Amino acid sequence: MKKIPIGVDDFKEIINNDFYYIDKTKFIADILNDGAKVKLFTRPRRFGKTLNMSTLKYFFDIENKNENRKLFSGLDIEKSKYISEQGQYPVIFISMKGVKAQTWKDCLSEIKILLRVLYEEFSFVKEVLSPSEQIEFDKVWFKKDDGEYSNALKNLTAYLYKYYKKEVILLIDEYDNPLITAYEYHYYDDALPFFKVFYGEALKTNPYLKMGVMTGIIRVIKAGIFSDLNNLRVYSILSKQYSDFFGFTQNEVENALKDFNIEYELPDVKIWYDGYKFGNSEVYNPWSILNFLEDRELEAYWVGTSNNFLINDILKNINSEINDSLEKLFNGERIEEIITGNSDLFSLLSYHEIWELLLFSGYLTIDKKIDRKLYSLRIPNKEINELFKDEFINVNFGESLFRNTMEALKKNKIEGFEKYLQNILLKSTSYYDTSNEDFYHGLILGMTLHLDRDYYVTSNRESGLGRYDVIIEPKNKNNRGFILEFKVVKDEKEIDKVSKEAIEQIIDKKYDTSLKERGIKDITLVGIAFFGKILKVSHK
């Protein structure tokens, strides 16, 4: 069996080392048949963007064209009329994925290093440059303070055109990574003017440019980076074009499992890693599939490939409206949201921008399109459901304290549950968080969701004569179920009495009706009263 290329995104390395490869080279023919001069592909991380860009580089690059031609032997593009375009253009390929600096000064320094390496790769062009051009070339090559770094890409296209007498193909991978990093570390306003010129001048009205191809996660539109780029075409996960070329299709996954003699795993693999909808295509997460082929264990592989900063930022700033929608998603339901494709780092925490960001980042997927911009969204698969639970826990509680709290509840040790839950409130919440019941409801719900291996967790549903707060129903009917009711008091002296009143409400409203109807005999009623960061738990 062939080796699995885990973390290998260089096309030449994959082919020359006979790694397992799913042929996506039809992508090249579609690129060439596309009249847009500058193309931006937005997809979640680890969905094959860099490998596709590397494939384009080896296909088009005029350097080593005869050697590179062999890489495509037997692949789909070799059978296409567009194989005549192989090795016909100078190619600039720059990846921004490694730019992760915490200050603008360090960010610019990392970009200078990238450009130095790039200019060194093309240092042979100096022989055709004028003396003044050679001086400017050397300033960037040797990282001089007065180098034209913001115009470095455009200038390099001019140098290459002068050398080859051919227009240049410019490939920019993960273009938005430096901007997301700048947003995370609060130097976005400093970075933005540089990137407007760095990308904009190289891609718009550049007479030396044959074609520009960019990849990223989101389109930072309102920032104005592409405001004057009227030759840009964006292909997002909403687009029908190119929908099969990022991620693995059903047929590709079935064939891969057969190639490794584990086709019997397909039903579970589908539950864990399928469910993404790009355009009209349903695709699997390729990173997770490759790791599964290697390890043959159903685990959450994709979630460990980044620090999940953006989703953590959202969970830290959750409000009652977002909490209600997350609750539906956790329960396997759909939510309907406006999606425009214009996610903007300036307003990520506004309500609609959050869902758009989660969708484009791969944490949600489209269930169906309802209207022109109205979509039904859902969590795509079990892997992402696990991520939401784990990140919610990490952001809000910490693993060990959370585990103790949940274990105490499962074992019906309510005094221990109260002690640990009180500790969570004291350590992990702000006084300003605790202004209404929605906050406490979301906090407890987020915790109980982690029980879903052994329990069904539902919230705000009708049962008996009213709507309960949270029911934890055991999947094994011989185990204990729990009904939780929350109250907020304005006077700390009332906290004990109100927690008991919560129990009486459960009894009076017959919230246990649904559990009893489904054969659950052992049921603990839990009333929790909150006063700021103080709580009291009663049970029966």
Protein backbone atom coordinates (compact mmCIF):
# COMPACT_ATOMS: atom_id res chain seq x y z
CA MET A 1 0.00 0.00 0.00
CA LYS A 2 1.12 3.54 -0.70
CA LYS A 3 2.27 5.91 2.02
CA ILE A 4 -0.21 8.51 3.26
CA PRO A 5 1.01 12.11 2.74
CA ILE A 6 0.16 13.48 6.19
CA GLY A 7 1.18 17.14 6.21
CA VAL A 8 2.77 16.90 2.74
CA ASP A 9 1.33 19.61 0.51
CA ASP A 10 4.04 19.80 -2.16
CA PHE A 11 2.77 18.16 -5.36
CA LYS A 12 6.22 17.18 -6.61
CA GLU A 13 7.11 15.49 -3.32
CA ILE A 14 3.87 13.51 -3.35
CA ILE A 15 4.34 12.25 -6.91
CA ASN A 16 8.09 11.55 -6.73
CA ASN A 17 7.76 9.66 -3.43
CA ASP A 18 4.77 7.67 -4.68
CA PHE A 19 2.47 8.90 -1.93
CA TYR A 20 -1.24 8.13 -2.15
CA TYR A 21 -2.76 10.87 -4.31
CA ILE A 22 -6.35 11.62 -5.26
CA ASP A 23 -6.20 13.20 -8.70
CA LYS A 24 -7.50 16.78 -8.68
CA THR A 25 -5.68 17.95 -11.81
CA LYS A 26 -8.92 18.61 -13.73
CA PHE A 27 -8.83 21.75 -11.63
CA ILE A 28 -6.10 23.07 -13.95
CA ALA A 29 -8.31 22.81 -17.04
CA ASP A 30 -11.10 24.68 -15.28
CA ILE A 31 -8.64 27.41 -14.26
CA LEU A 32 -7.51 27.84 -17.86
CA ASN A 33 -11.07 27.84 -19.16
CA ASP A 34 -11.99 30.57 -16.69
CA GLY A 35 -11.88 34.10 -18.07
CA ALA A 36 -11.35 35.83 -14.72
CA LYS A 37 -7.83 37.20 -14.55
CA VAL A 38 -7.63 37.08 -10.74
CA LYS A 39 -9.29 34.26 -8.82
CA LEU A 40 -9.77 33.92 -5.06
CA PHE A 41 -10.69 30.52 -3.62
CA THR A 42 -11.97 30.60 -0.03
CA ARG A 43 -12.13 27.27 1.79
CA PRO A 44 -11.60 26.06 5.39
CA ARG A 45 -8.08 25.21 6.51
CA ARG A 46 -6.69 21.78 5.60
CA PHE A 47 -9.02 21.33 2.62
CA GLY A 48 -6.28 21.06 0.00
CA LYS A 49 -5.70 24.71 -0.89
CA THR A 50 -1.90 24.60 -0.64
CA LEU A 51 -1.60 21.31 -2.52
CA ASN A 52 -3.73 22.68 -5.36
CA MET A 53 -1.60 25.82 -5.51
CA SER A 54 1.57 23.71 -5.55
CA THR A 55 0.08 21.68 -8.41
CA LEU A 56 -0.52 24.87 -10.38
CA LYS A 57 3.06 25.98 -9.78
CA TYR A 58 4.58 22.76 -11.13
CA PHE A 59 2.20 22.70 -14.07
CA PHE A 60 2.69 26.25 -15.34
CA ASP A 61 6.29 26.95 -14.32
CA ILE A 62 8.61 27.53 -17.28
CA GLU A 63 11.60 26.52 -15.18
CA ASN A 64 12.29 22.75 -15.25
CA LYS A 65 9.28 22.31 -17.52
CA ASN A 66 10.45 19.02 -19.01
CA GLU A 67 11.11 17.51 -15.61
CA ASN A 68 7.80 18.82 -14.29
CA ARG A 69 5.91 17.37 -17.27
CA LYS A 70 6.69 13.89 -15.95
CA LEU A 71 4.84 14.67 -12.71
CA PHE A 72 1.54 14.73 -14.60
CA SER A 73 2.00 11.44 -16.39
CA GLY A 74 -1.21 9.41 -16.25
CA LEU A 75 -3.18 12.15 -14.48
CA ASP A 76 -6.39 13.70 -15.75
CA ILE A 77 -4.83 16.92 -17.03
CA GLU A 78 -2.51 14.96 -19.35
CA LYS A 79 -5.59 13.81 -21.27
CA SER A 80 -6.83 17.38 -21.69
CA LYS A 81 -6.14 19.78 -24.56
CA TYR A 82 -4.82 22.17 -21.93
CA ILE A 83 -1.71 20.03 -21.40
CA SER A 84 -0.21 22.29 -24.09
CA GLU A 85 -0.10 25.07 -21.48
CA GLN A 86 2.26 23.06 -19.26
CA GLY A 87 5.58 24.82 -18.62
CA GLN A 88 4.68 27.98 -20.52
CA TYR A 89 4.88 30.76 -17.91
CA PRO A 90 7.12 32.13 -15.18
CA VAL A 91 5.42 31.47 -11.82
CA ILE A 92 5.69 33.28 -8.49
CA PHE A 93 4.37 31.18 -5.59
CA ILE A 94 4.28 32.73 -2.11
CA SER A 95 2.56 31.23 0.93
CA MET A 96 1.50 33.50 3.80
CA LYS A 97 0.46 30.67 6.12
CA GLY A 98 3.62 30.95 8.23
CA VAL A 99 3.17 34.63 9.09
CA LYS A 100 2.09 34.45 12.74
CA ALA A 101 3.86 37.39 14.42
CA GLN A 102 2.41 39.05 17.51
CA THR A 103 3.43 42.60 16.52
CA TRP A 104 3.38 44.52 13.25
CA LYS A 105 7.14 45.01 13.42
CA ASP A 106 7.72 41.24 13.67
CA CYS A 107 5.08 40.60 11.00
CA LEU A 108 6.87 42.88 8.55
CA SER A 109 10.16 41.19 9.42
CA GLU A 110 8.66 37.78 8.58
CA ILE A 111 7.35 39.11 5.27
CA LYS A 112 10.81 40.48 4.44
CA ILE A 113 12.25 37.02 5.02
CA LEU A 114 9.66 35.49 2.68
CA LEU A 115 10.52 38.06 0.03
CA ARG A 116 14.26 37.56 0.48
CA VAL A 117 13.84 33.83 -0.21
CA LEU A 118 11.61 34.59 -3.19
CA TYR A 119 14.04 37.11 -4.68
CA GLU A 120 16.93 34.71 -4.17
CA GLU A 121 15.00 32.07 -6.14
CA PHE A 122 14.84 34.48 -9.07
CA SER A 123 18.22 36.17 -8.64
CA PHE A 124 19.21 35.08 -12.16
CA VAL A 125 16.93 37.77 -13.64
CA LYS A 126 19.38 40.46 -12.50
CA GLU A 127 21.39 39.94 -15.67
CA VAL A 128 18.69 41.68 -17.74
CA LEU A 129 17.84 44.44 -15.27
CA SER A 130 19.00 48.03 -15.52
CA PRO A 131 21.44 49.32 -12.87
CA SER A 132 18.66 51.07 -10.97
CA GLU A 133 16.49 47.94 -11.07
CA GLN A 134 19.39 45.86 -9.80
CA ILE A 135 19.75 48.23 -6.85
CA GLU A 136 16.05 47.90 -5.99
CA PHE A 137 16.24 44.12 -6.42
CA ASP A 138 19.18 43.88 -4.02
CA LYS A 139 17.45 46.03 -1.39
CA VAL A 140 14.70 43.42 -1.08
CA TRP A 141 17.06 40.47 -1.54
CA PHE A 142 19.31 41.65 1.28
CA LYS A 143 16.49 43.03 3.50
CA LYS A 144 17.63 46.64 3.41
CA ASP A 145 15.54 49.11 5.41
CA ASP A 146 14.69 51.19 2.33
CA GLY A 147 13.53 48.28 0.14
CA GLU A 148 10.23 48.56 -1.76
CA TYR A 149 8.56 45.78 0.18
CA SER A 150 4.97 46.82 -0.37
CA ASN A 151 5.57 46.76 -4.15
CA ALA A 152 7.89 43.75 -4.08
CA LEU A 153 5.47 41.32 -5.76
CA LYS A 154 4.53 43.70 -8.55
CA ASN A 155 8.17 44.59 -9.15
CA LEU A 156 9.12 40.91 -9.32
CA THR A 157 6.48 40.28 -12.00
CA ALA A 158 8.07 43.10 -14.02
CA TYR A 159 11.56 41.63 -13.61
CA LEU A 160 10.39 38.17 -14.68
CA TYR A 161 8.54 39.57 -17.68
CA LYS A 162 11.68 41.39 -18.72
CA TYR A 163 13.71 38.17 -18.49
CA TYR A 164 11.29 35.73 -20.12
CA LYS A 165 9.28 38.09 -22.34
CA LYS A 166 6.22 36.29 -21.00
CA GLU A 167 3.46 37.32 -18.64
CA VAL A 168 3.68 35.95 -15.11
CA ILE A 169 1.36 33.74 -13.07
CA LEU A 170 1.15 34.87 -9.43
CA LEU A 171 0.03 32.37 -6.78
CA ILE A 172 -0.66 33.69 -3.24
CA ASP A 173 -1.58 30.98 -0.73
CA GLU A 174 -3.44 31.75 2.53
CA TYR A 175 -3.49 35.46 1.72
CA ASP A 176 -5.70 36.27 4.74
CA ASN A 177 -3.61 34.53 7.41
CA PRO A 178 -1.50 37.65 8.23
CA LEU A 179 -4.70 39.71 8.50
CA ILE A 180 -6.40 37.24 10.84
CA THR A 181 -3.23 37.13 12.94
CA ALA A 182 -3.10 40.94 12.97
CA TYR A 183 -6.70 41.00 14.16
CA GLU A 184 -5.91 38.50 16.91
CA TYR A 185 -2.94 40.51 18.22
CA HIS A 186 -4.51 43.95 17.74
CA TYR A 187 -2.28 45.45 15.04
CA TYR A 188 -4.80 45.13 12.21
CA ASP A 189 -4.90 48.88 11.55
CA ASP A 190 -1.12 48.93 11.15
CA ALA A 191 -1.02 45.94 8.80
CA LEU A 192 -3.92 46.89 6.56
CA PRO A 193 -2.28 49.76 4.57
CA PHE A 194 0.69 47.53 3.71
CA PHE A 195 -1.43 44.65 2.40
CA LYS A 196 -3.64 46.94 0.34
CA VAL A 197 -0.55 47.83 -1.69
CA PHE A 198 1.23 44.47 -1.40
CA TYR A 199 -1.70 42.52 -2.88
CA GLY A 200 -3.51 45.27 -4.75
CA GLU A 201 -0.66 46.60 -6.87
CA ALA A 202 0.45 43.10 -7.88
CA LEU A 203 -3.01 42.01 -8.93
CA LYS A 204 -4.82 45.02 -10.37
CA THR A 205 -3.99 46.57 -13.76
CA ASN A 206 -0.61 44.84 -13.72
CA PRO A 207 0.56 44.65 -17.36
CA TYR A 208 2.99 41.85 -16.51
CA LEU A 209 0.37 39.55 -15.01
CA LYS A 210 -1.02 36.59 -16.95
CA MET A 211 -3.18 35.34 -14.07
CA GLY A 212 -3.43 35.65 -10.31
CA VAL A 213 -4.73 32.88 -8.05
CA MET A 214 -5.24 33.36 -4.30
CA THR A 215 -6.51 31.13 -1.53
CA GLY A 216 -7.78 31.95 1.94
CA ILE A 217 -10.52 31.26 4.45
CA ILE A 218 -12.51 34.49 4.22
CA ARG A 219 -12.86 37.47 1.94
CA VAL A 220 -11.85 40.58 3.84
CA ILE A 221 -14.02 42.80 1.68
CA LYS A 222 -14.92 45.88 3.72
CA ALA A 223 -11.29 46.47 4.57
CA GLY A 224 -10.86 47.69 1.00
CA ILE A 225 -7.96 45.42 0.03
CA PHE A 226 -9.79 44.44 -3.14
CA SER A 227 -12.00 47.51 -3.48
CA ASP A 228 -10.32 48.60 -6.71
CA LEU A 229 -9.69 45.11 -8.04
CA ASN A 230 -12.39 44.92 -10.69
CA ASN A 231 -10.83 41.85 -12.31
CA LEU A 232 -11.30 39.66 -9.20
CA ARG A 233 -13.61 36.63 -9.15
CA VAL A 234 -14.31 35.02 -5.77
CA TYR A 235 -15.11 31.30 -5.59
CA SER A 236 -16.34 30.57 -2.09
CA ILE A 237 -18.06 27.54 -0.61
CA LEU A 238 -21.29 29.08 -1.93
CA SER A 239 -20.09 28.84 -5.54
CA LYS A 240 -21.05 25.99 -7.83
CA GLN A 241 -17.81 26.26 -9.79
CA TYR A 242 -14.78 24.28 -8.57
CA SER A 243 -16.93 22.62 -5.90
CA ASP A 244 -15.25 19.18 -6.21
CA PHE A 245 -11.64 20.31 -6.10
CA PHE A 246 -11.28 21.13 -2.39
CA GLY A 247 -12.13 18.20 -0.13
CA PHE A 248 -12.86 14.60 -1.11
CA THR A 249 -16.06 13.54 -2.84
CA GLN A 250 -18.12 10.51 -1.85
CA ASN A 251 -16.70 8.47 -4.73
CA GLU A 252 -13.13 9.45 -3.88
CA VAL A 253 -13.56 8.40 -0.23
CA GLU A 254 -15.18 5.10 -1.19
CA ASN A 255 -12.27 4.32 -3.54
CA ALA A 256 -9.70 5.32 -0.89
CA LEU A 257 -11.24 3.01 1.70
CA LYS A 258 -11.25 0.19 -0.86
CA ASP A 259 -7.61 0.87 -1.73
CA PHE A 260 -6.72 0.35 1.93
CA ASN A 261 -9.11 -2.60 2.43
CA ILE A 262 -11.30 -0.83 4.97
CA GLU A 263 -14.41 -0.10 2.90
CA TYR A 264 -16.52 -1.54 5.74
CA GLU A 265 -15.69 1.61 7.75
CA LEU A 266 -17.60 3.88 5.33
CA PRO A 267 -20.78 4.38 7.46
CA ASP A 268 -18.79 5.58 10.50
CA VAL A 269 -16.38 7.62 8.37
CA LYS A 270 -19.37 9.40 6.84
CA ILE A 271 -20.79 10.28 10.26
CA TRP A 272 -17.44 11.64 11.46
CA TYR A 273 -15.98 13.45 8.46
CA ASP A 274 -18.63 14.01 5.77
CA GLY A 275 -21.32 16.66 5.62
CA TYR A 276 -19.64 19.71 4.08
CA LYS A 277 -21.52 21.28 1.19
CA PHE A 278 -19.50 23.33 -1.29
CA GLY A 279 -21.70 24.62 -4.09
CA ASN A 280 -23.71 21.60 -5.19
CA SER A 281 -21.13 19.09 -3.97
CA GLU A 282 -21.04 17.23 -0.67
CA VAL A 283 -17.46 16.63 0.43
CA TYR A 284 -15.47 15.05 3.23
CA ASN A 285 -12.72 16.71 5.24
CA PRO A 286 -9.55 15.55 3.40
CA TRP A 287 -7.18 16.07 6.35
CA SER A 288 -9.31 13.83 8.56
CA ILE A 289 -9.71 11.17 5.85
CA LEU A 290 -5.96 10.94 5.28
CA ASN A 291 -5.31 10.65 9.02
CA PHE A 292 -7.99 7.99 9.32
CA LEU A 293 -6.41 6.00 6.48
CA GLU A 294 -3.14 6.16 8.41
CA ASP A 295 -4.39 5.49 11.96
CA ARG A 296 -7.70 3.68 11.28
CA GLU A 297 -9.16 5.30 14.36
CA LEU A 298 -12.27 7.51 14.42
CA GLU A 299 -10.95 10.64 16.09
CA ALA A 300 -11.18 14.41 15.73
CA TYR A 301 -8.08 15.00 13.60
CA TRP A 302 -8.91 18.35 12.02
CA VAL A 303 -9.62 20.18 15.28
CA GLY A 304 -6.02 19.99 16.45
CA THR A 305 -4.53 21.70 13.40
CA SER A 306 -4.85 25.30 14.68
CA ASN A 307 -5.45 27.23 17.87
CA ASN A 308 -9.07 27.92 16.88
CA PHE A 309 -8.63 31.57 17.87
CA LEU A 310 -11.69 32.88 16.04
CA ILE A 311 -14.13 30.33 17.47
CA ASN A 312 -12.67 30.83 20.95
CA ASP A 313 -13.14 34.59 20.55
CA ILE A 314 -16.79 34.01 19.67
CA LEU A 315 -17.39 31.71 22.65
CA LYS A 316 -15.86 34.28 24.98
CA ASN A 317 -18.29 36.93 23.75
CA ILE A 318 -21.43 34.81 23.62
CA ASN A 319 -24.81 36.47 24.27
CA SER A 320 -28.29 35.08 24.77
CA GLU A 321 -29.23 35.31 21.07
CA ILE A 322 -26.11 33.44 19.96
CA ASN A 323 -26.56 30.98 22.81
CA ASP A 324 -30.09 30.12 21.63
CA SER A 325 -28.83 29.42 18.12
CA LEU A 326 -25.88 27.35 19.34
CA GLU A 327 -28.28 25.39 21.50
CA LYS A 328 -30.32 24.43 18.42
CA LEU A 329 -27.18 23.40 16.56
CA PHE A 330 -25.95 21.27 19.46
CA ASN A 331 -29.31 19.53 19.52
CA GLY A 332 -28.95 18.59 15.86
CA GLU A 333 -31.33 21.27 14.61
CA ARG A 334 -30.86 23.83 11.84
CA ILE A 335 -30.70 27.59 12.08
CA GLU A 336 -31.60 30.04 9.31
CA GLU A 337 -29.19 32.91 8.73
CA ILE A 338 -28.33 35.54 6.13
CA ILE A 339 -25.03 34.65 4.41
CA THR A 340 -23.52 37.15 1.96
CA GLY A 341 -19.99 35.82 1.55
CA ASN A 342 -18.53 39.12 2.70
CA SER A 343 -17.11 38.26 6.12
CA ASP A 344 -15.19 41.17 7.57
CA LEU A 345 -12.66 41.21 10.38
CA PHE A 346 -13.96 44.61 11.47
CA SER A 347 -17.27 43.15 12.69
CA LEU A 348 -16.72 39.47 13.44
CA LEU A 349 -18.70 39.64 16.65
CA SER A 350 -21.89 41.04 15.16
CA TYR A 351 -24.64 38.45 15.07
CA HIS A 352 -24.75 37.62 11.34
CA GLU A 353 -21.00 37.85 10.85
CA ILE A 354 -20.47 35.12 13.44
CA TRP A 355 -22.48 32.56 11.48
CA GLU A 356 -20.81 33.56 8.24
CA LEU A 357 -17.38 33.19 9.79
CA LEU A 358 -18.23 29.79 11.32
CA LEU A 359 -19.57 28.64 7.96
CA PHE A 360 -16.57 29.74 5.91
CA SER A 361 -14.13 28.43 8.51
CA GLY A 362 -15.62 24.92 8.34
CA TYR A 363 -17.38 24.78 11.71
CA LEU A 364 -20.83 24.89 10.10
CA THR A 365 -22.14 23.83 6.74
CA ILE A 366 -25.09 24.60 4.51
CA ASP A 367 -28.09 22.34 4.82
CA LYS A 368 -29.97 24.10 2.03
CA LYS A 369 -30.46 27.46 0.38
CA ILE A 370 -33.83 28.95 1.28
CA ASP A 371 -33.78 32.28 -0.50
CA ARG A 372 -31.29 34.52 -2.29
CA LYS A 373 -29.11 35.07 0.78
CA LEU A 374 -30.97 33.01 3.38
CA TYR A 375 -29.45 29.64 4.24
CA SER A 376 -30.25 26.80 6.60
CA LEU A 377 -27.07 25.92 8.57
CA ARG A 378 -26.06 22.91 10.64
CA ILE A 379 -23.03 21.31 12.27
CA PRO A 380 -21.55 19.12 9.50
CA ASN A 381 -20.45 16.01 11.34
CA LYS A 382 -19.45 14.38 14.61
CA GLU A 383 -15.89 15.68 14.45
CA ILE A 384 -17.04 19.30 14.53
CA ASN A 385 -19.65 18.59 17.20
CA GLU A 386 -16.81 17.28 19.36
CA LEU A 387 -14.84 20.45 18.66
CA PHE A 388 -17.61 22.74 19.82
CA LYS A 389 -17.94 20.85 23.07
CA ASP A 390 -14.21 20.68 23.73
CA GLU A 391 -13.54 24.32 22.89
CA PHE A 392 -16.52 25.49 24.93
CA ILE A 393 -15.07 23.60 27.89
CA ASN A 394 -11.52 24.85 27.37
CA VAL A 395 -12.64 28.47 27.02
CA ASN A 396 -14.98 28.51 29.97
CA PHE A 397 -13.89 25.94 32.52
CA GLY A 398 -10.64 24.07 32.13
CA GLU A 399 -10.64 20.33 31.60
CA SER A 400 -10.03 18.92 35.10
CA LEU A 401 -12.55 21.13 36.92
CA PHE A 402 -15.13 20.44 34.25
CA ARG A 403 -14.59 16.68 34.44
CA ASN A 404 -15.03 16.68 38.21
CA THR A 405 -18.25 18.66 37.90
CA MET A 406 -19.77 16.36 35.31
CA GLU A 407 -18.68 13.17 37.06
CA ALA A 408 -20.29 14.35 40.30
CA LEU A 409 -23.57 14.97 38.50
CA LYS A 410 -23.50 11.62 36.67
CA LYS A 411 -22.93 9.81 39.98
CA ASN A 412 -25.77 11.80 41.58
CA LYS A 413 -23.35 13.34 44.08
CA ILE A 414 -25.16 16.67 44.09
CA GLU A 415 -23.15 18.19 46.94
CA GLY A 416 -19.97 17.60 44.95
CA PHE A 417 -21.66 18.96 41.83
CA GLU A 418 -22.55 22.12 43.75
CA LYS A 419 -19.01 22.52 45.07
CA TYR A 420 -17.36 22.19 41.66
CA LEU A 421 -19.95 24.34 39.91
CA GLN A 422 -19.42 27.05 42.50
CA ASN A 423 -15.70 26.86 41.84
CA ILE A 424 -16.31 27.32 38.11
CA LEU A 425 -18.37 30.44 38.72
CA LEU A 426 -15.71 31.92 40.98
CA LYS A 427 -12.77 31.12 38.69
CA SER A 428 -14.14 31.37 35.19
CA THR A 429 -16.83 34.05 35.04
CA SER A 430 -17.00 37.78 35.41
CA TYR A 431 -19.45 39.63 37.63
CA TYR A 432 -20.69 41.36 34.48
CA ASP A 433 -21.52 37.99 32.86
CA THR A 434 -24.01 37.10 35.55
CA SER A 435 -26.77 39.62 34.89
CA ASN A 436 -29.52 37.29 33.67
CA GLU A 437 -30.67 33.70 33.52
CA ASP A 438 -29.60 33.34 29.87
CA PHE A 439 -25.96 33.38 30.91
CA TYR A 440 -26.36 30.62 33.50
CA HIS A 441 -28.55 28.61 31.16
CA GLY A 442 -25.90 28.77 28.42
CA LEU A 443 -23.13 27.91 30.88
CA ILE A 444 -24.86 24.78 32.20
CA LEU A 445 -26.03 23.74 28.74
CA GLY A 446 -22.50 23.97 27.38
CA MET A 447 -21.31 21.72 30.18
CA THR A 448 -24.02 19.11 29.84
CA LEU A 449 -23.51 18.82 26.08
CA HIS A 450 -20.32 16.89 26.80
CA LEU A 451 -22.47 14.09 28.21
CA ASP A 452 -23.93 13.21 24.83
CA ARG A 453 -22.10 9.89 24.56
CA ASP A 454 -24.34 8.53 27.31
CA TYR A 455 -27.19 11.04 27.47
CA TYR A 456 -29.57 13.05 25.34
CA VAL A 457 -29.47 16.70 26.40
CA THR A 458 -32.44 18.92 25.55
CA SER A 459 -33.32 22.45 26.57
CA ASN A 460 -36.38 24.70 26.63
CA ARG A 461 -38.75 21.98 25.43
CA GLU A 462 -42.35 21.37 26.45
CA SER A 463 -43.09 18.61 28.93
CA GLY A 464 -46.09 18.23 31.21
CA LEU A 465 -47.60 21.65 31.85
CA GLY A 466 -44.70 23.89 30.83
CA ARG A 467 -41.20 24.28 29.41
CA TYR A 468 -38.27 22.92 31.38
CA ASP A 469 -34.78 24.44 31.37
CA VAL A 470 -32.61 21.34 30.79
CA ILE A 471 -33.33 17.60 30.76
CA ILE A 472 -30.49 15.06 30.75
CA GLU A 473 -31.94 11.74 29.57
CA PRO A 474 -29.86 8.55 29.79
CA LYS A 475 -29.56 6.51 26.60
CA ASN A 476 -29.58 3.42 28.82
CA LYS A 477 -33.03 3.51 30.45
CA ASN A 478 -31.66 1.77 33.55
CA ASN A 479 -29.50 4.82 34.35
CA ARG A 480 -30.56 7.98 36.12
CA GLY A 481 -32.01 11.02 34.41
CA PHE A 482 -31.82 14.65 35.56
CA ILE A 483 -34.11 17.67 35.28
CA LEU A 484 -32.46 21.06 35.90
CA GLU A 485 -34.32 24.29 36.61
CA PHE A 486 -32.53 27.65 37.01
CA LYS A 487 -33.50 30.77 38.93
CA VAL A 488 -31.81 34.14 39.47
CA VAL A 489 -32.39 36.02 42.73
CA LYS A 490 -31.90 39.70 43.54
CA ASP A 491 -31.23 39.12 47.24
CA GLU A 492 -28.61 36.61 48.38
CA LYS A 493 -30.76 35.82 51.44
CA GLU A 494 -33.38 34.30 49.12
CA ILE A 495 -31.01 31.91 47.34
CA ASP A 496 -31.71 28.80 49.43
CA LYS A 497 -35.49 29.28 49.35
CA VAL A 498 -35.59 29.95 45.60
CA SER A 499 -33.50 26.85 44.79
CA LYS A 500 -36.13 24.78 46.59
CA GLU A 501 -38.90 26.64 44.75
CA ALA A 502 -37.25 25.56 41.50
CA ILE A 503 -37.74 21.94 42.61
CA GLU A 504 -41.41 22.61 43.37
CA GLN A 505 -41.85 24.13 39.90
CA ILE A 506 -40.50 20.94 38.31
CA ILE A 507 -43.01 18.92 40.33
CA ASP A 508 -45.99 21.26 39.86
CA LYS A 509 -45.43 21.60 36.11
CA LYS A 510 -44.83 17.83 35.74
CA TYR A 511 -41.62 18.33 33.78
CA ASP A 512 -40.78 14.66 34.41
CA THR A 513 -43.64 13.53 32.14
CA SER A 514 -41.52 13.05 29.02
CA LEU A 515 -38.82 11.09 30.87
CA LYS A 516 -41.37 8.79 32.50
CA GLU A 517 -43.11 8.21 29.17
CA ARG A 518 -39.80 6.98 27.76
CA GLY A 519 -39.28 4.52 30.61
CA ILE A 520 -36.82 6.43 32.80
CA LYS A 521 -37.57 5.43 36.39
CA ASP A 522 -34.77 7.08 38.39
CA ILE A 523 -34.95 10.86 38.05
CA THR A 524 -33.15 13.53 40.10
CA LEU A 525 -34.74 16.96 40.23
CA VAL A 526 -32.16 19.74 40.51
CA GLY A 527 -33.00 23.35 41.34
CA ILE A 528 -30.18 25.89 41.01
CA ALA A 529 -30.51 29.48 42.24
CA PHE A 530 -27.90 32.08 41.30
CA PHE A 531 -26.92 35.38 42.83
CA GLY A 532 -24.04 36.86 40.87
CA LYS A 533 -21.16 34.41 41.27
CA ILE A 534 -22.84 32.61 44.17
CA LEU A 535 -25.15 29.62 43.74
CA LYS A 536 -27.23 27.15 45.73
CA VAL A 537 -28.19 23.70 44.46
CA SER A 538 -31.17 21.79 45.86
CA HIS A 539 -32.24 18.34 44.74
CA LYS A 540 -34.90 15.72 45.20
